Amino acid sequence: NQSINIGVDTGKFQLDIYIRPLDIYFSVSNDEKGIKEAINKIKKHQPERIIIEATGRLEMPFIMACAKAGLPFVIANPVHVKRFAGAIGQRAKTDKLDAKLIAYYGEAIKPSLSQLKPETIQLMSDLVARRNQLLVMQTMEKNRLQILPKELAMTIKLILTAFKNKINKIENKIVK
């Protein structure tokens, strides 16, 4: 019975996922719908661990979904993954080490699982939900900026600045 390690490379708009040793690779959008789809596919394989690099914030909604689904995840230090890549002589094509490499790192190194307390999960979940609401409102204001006369632009720019600041504050809280 071989152990399944899943590597997840997080991008702003998509998640690249590699299931090792089954050699299954797929991508989903890095949003609620895509994450749900990824979790459903991953569950079927009963992974020993899902390894995802800590980028700062892009991985948060996915980690939350893993925690809620009771899936075993590892928030890996990107430096450790890069060192592993160097050790096996794999030069990444981009700054980002791909999902395949992250999965291999998980299988070879067997990093210990990350833990989130239930109350932490709830708080993070609330923060992620609030962040999503603010992002939606931010987009609406940006769209209005395109169509409103120039004289009114300043009223929107002030609000956009406020949204940006709030979103950053929430993201920093999530990371903490």
Protein backbone atom coordinates (compact mmCIF):
# COMPACT_ATOMS: atom_id res chain seq x y z
CA ASN A 1 0.00 0.00 0.00
CA GLN A 2 1.82 3.08 -1.23
CA SER A 3 1.46 6.40 0.52
CA ILE A 4 -0.03 9.24 -1.46
CA ASN A 5 1.62 12.65 -1.33
CA ILE A 6 -0.01 15.59 -3.04
CA GLY A 7 1.89 18.71 -4.03
CA VAL A 8 0.04 21.98 -4.51
CA ASP A 9 1.60 24.95 -6.27
CA THR A 10 -0.37 28.07 -5.43
CA GLY A 11 -0.80 30.87 -7.91
CA LYS A 12 -2.90 33.98 -7.71
CA PHE A 13 -5.48 32.56 -10.09
CA GLN A 14 -4.92 28.82 -10.06
CA LEU A 15 -3.77 25.83 -8.05
CA ASP A 16 -1.60 23.22 -9.76
CA ILE A 17 -1.98 19.85 -8.10
CA TYR A 18 0.13 16.72 -8.49
CA ILE A 19 -0.69 13.35 -6.94
CA ARG A 20 2.34 11.16 -6.30
CA PRO A 21 3.07 8.34 -7.07
CA LEU A 22 -0.06 8.06 -9.24
CA ASP A 23 1.25 10.68 -11.68
CA ILE A 24 -2.07 12.53 -11.74
CA TYR A 25 -1.84 16.23 -12.50
CA PHE A 26 -4.63 18.80 -12.65
CA SER A 27 -5.31 22.50 -12.20
CA VAL A 28 -8.25 24.34 -10.70
CA SER A 29 -9.02 28.02 -10.26
CA ASN A 30 -7.87 29.43 -6.92
CA ASP A 31 -11.37 30.39 -5.81
CA GLU A 32 -14.21 28.81 -3.87
CA LYS A 33 -15.44 26.72 -6.80
CA GLY A 34 -11.99 25.48 -7.83
CA ILE A 35 -10.96 24.68 -4.27
CA LYS A 36 -14.15 22.66 -3.70
CA GLU A 37 -13.44 20.69 -6.89
CA ALA A 38 -9.83 20.05 -5.81
CA ILE A 39 -10.85 18.86 -2.33
CA ASN A 40 -13.37 16.41 -3.82
CA LYS A 41 -10.76 14.95 -6.18
CA ILE A 42 -8.09 14.78 -3.49
CA LYS A 43 -10.39 13.07 -0.93
CA LYS A 44 -10.84 10.07 -3.22
CA HIS A 45 -7.11 9.28 -2.97
CA GLN A 46 -6.91 9.38 0.85
CA PRO A 47 -3.55 11.15 0.89
CA GLU A 48 -1.01 10.74 3.66
CA ARG A 49 -0.21 14.41 3.28
CA ILE A 50 -0.99 17.40 1.08
CA ILE A 51 2.00 19.70 0.83
CA ILE A 52 1.51 23.35 0.06
CA GLU A 53 4.13 26.08 0.17
CA ALA A 54 3.59 29.01 2.47
CA THR A 55 3.44 31.97 0.11
CA GLY A 56 1.84 34.33 2.61
CA ARG A 57 -1.80 34.50 1.65
CA LEU A 58 -2.71 32.89 -1.64
CA GLU A 59 -2.73 29.42 -0.07
CA MET A 60 -4.98 30.35 2.88
CA PRO A 61 -8.42 29.51 1.44
CA PHE A 62 -7.11 26.12 0.26
CA ILE A 63 -5.56 25.33 3.64
CA MET A 64 -8.83 26.27 5.33
CA ALA A 65 -10.71 23.90 3.04
CA CYS A 66 -8.26 21.07 3.85
CA ALA A 67 -8.65 21.71 7.58
CA LYS A 68 -12.45 21.71 7.32
CA ALA A 69 -12.44 18.54 5.25
CA GLY A 70 -10.18 16.85 7.78
CA LEU A 71 -7.44 16.30 5.19
CA PRO A 72 -3.80 16.03 6.37
CA PHE A 73 -1.83 19.05 5.19
CA VAL A 74 1.67 20.44 5.56
CA ILE A 75 2.37 24.14 5.18
CA ALA A 76 5.91 23.86 3.84
CA ASN A 77 8.65 26.44 4.10
CA PRO A 78 9.52 27.43 0.49
CA VAL A 79 13.21 27.61 1.45
CA HIS A 80 13.17 23.92 2.47
CA VAL A 81 11.50 22.95 -0.79
CA LYS A 82 14.07 24.97 -2.78
CA ARG A 83 16.94 23.30 -0.89
CA PHE A 84 15.44 19.90 -1.63
CA ALA A 85 15.24 20.83 -5.32
CA GLY A 86 18.90 21.80 -5.23
CA ALA A 87 19.84 18.56 -3.48
CA ILE A 88 18.21 16.40 -6.15
CA GLY A 89 19.61 18.66 -8.87
CA GLN A 90 16.26 19.88 -10.10
CA ARG A 91 16.41 23.44 -11.36
CA ALA A 92 12.99 24.98 -11.34
CA LYS A 93 11.88 26.39 -14.66
CA THR A 94 10.43 29.38 -12.85
CA ASP A 95 10.79 30.89 -9.39
CA LYS A 96 7.93 28.63 -8.46
CA LEU A 97 8.81 25.03 -7.88
CA ASP A 98 6.06 23.07 -9.48
CA ALA A 99 3.50 20.82 -7.86
CA LYS A 100 5.40 17.68 -8.90
CA LEU A 101 8.51 18.74 -7.00
CA ILE A 102 6.47 19.73 -3.94
CA ALA A 103 4.84 16.28 -3.91
CA TYR A 104 8.25 14.59 -4.22
CA TYR A 105 9.53 16.72 -1.33
CA GLY A 106 6.61 15.50 0.79
CA GLU A 107 7.28 11.85 -0.06
CA ALA A 108 11.04 12.02 0.52
CA ILE A 109 11.21 14.31 3.56
CA LYS A 110 7.89 13.38 5.22
CA PRO A 111 7.49 16.76 6.92
CA SER A 112 5.20 16.68 9.95
CA LEU A 113 1.60 17.72 9.50
CA SER A 114 0.49 21.25 10.30
CA GLN A 115 -2.17 21.66 12.95
CA LEU A 116 -4.94 24.23 13.20
CA LYS A 117 -7.10 24.42 16.31
CA PRO A 118 -10.87 24.33 15.65
CA GLU A 119 -11.30 27.87 17.03
CA THR A 120 -8.47 29.07 14.79
CA ILE A 121 -10.17 27.43 11.81
CA GLN A 122 -13.43 29.22 12.64
CA LEU A 123 -11.72 32.60 13.00
CA MET A 124 -9.74 32.12 9.79
CA SER A 125 -12.87 31.01 8.00
CA ASP A 126 -14.68 34.19 9.10
CA LEU A 127 -11.71 36.33 8.05
CA VAL A 128 -11.50 34.61 4.64
CA ALA A 129 -15.25 35.14 4.14
CA ARG A 130 -14.92 38.84 5.06
CA ARG A 131 -11.94 39.22 2.74
CA ASN A 132 -14.03 37.75 -0.11
CA GLN A 133 -16.86 40.22 0.60
CA LEU A 134 -14.42 43.14 0.50
CA LEU A 135 -12.87 41.89 -2.74
CA VAL A 136 -16.32 41.77 -4.35
CA MET A 137 -17.11 45.34 -3.25
CA GLN A 138 -13.66 46.49 -4.39
CA THR A 139 -14.32 45.06 -7.86
CA MET A 140 -17.71 46.81 -8.02
CA GLU A 141 -16.09 50.14 -7.19
CA LYS A 142 -13.32 49.56 -9.74
CA ASN A 143 -16.00 48.90 -12.37
CA ARG A 144 -17.83 52.09 -11.41
CA LEU A 145 -14.59 54.02 -11.76
CA GLN A 146 -14.57 53.03 -15.45
CA ILE A 147 -18.01 54.49 -16.16
CA LEU A 148 -18.44 57.48 -13.86
CA PRO A 149 -17.43 60.99 -14.91
CA LYS A 150 -13.94 62.14 -13.91
CA GLU A 151 -15.30 64.59 -11.33
CA LEU A 152 -16.60 61.67 -9.27
CA ALA A 153 -13.46 59.54 -9.60
CA MET A 154 -11.95 60.93 -6.40
CA THR A 155 -14.91 59.75 -4.31
CA ILE A 156 -14.26 56.22 -5.54
CA LYS A 157 -10.48 56.37 -5.21
CA LEU A 158 -10.81 57.15 -1.50
CA ILE A 159 -13.06 54.13 -1.00
CA LEU A 160 -10.72 51.89 -3.03
CA THR A 161 -7.83 52.94 -0.79
CA ALA A 162 -9.91 52.11 2.27
CA PHE A 163 -10.81 48.68 0.82
CA LYS A 164 -7.17 47.98 0.00
CA ASN A 165 -6.10 48.84 3.55
CA LYS A 166 -8.85 46.70 5.12
CA ILE A 167 -8.06 43.76 2.86
CA ASN A 168 -4.36 43.98 3.78
CA LYS A 169 -5.23 44.12 7.50
CA ILE A 170 -7.43 41.04 7.21
CA GLU A 171 -4.81 39.15 5.19
CA ASN A 172 -2.18 39.92 7.84
CA LYS A 173 -4.54 38.63 10.55
CA ILE A 174 -5.12 35.43 8.55
CA VAL A 175 -1.37 34.89 8.18
CA LYS A 176 -0.89 35.38 11.94
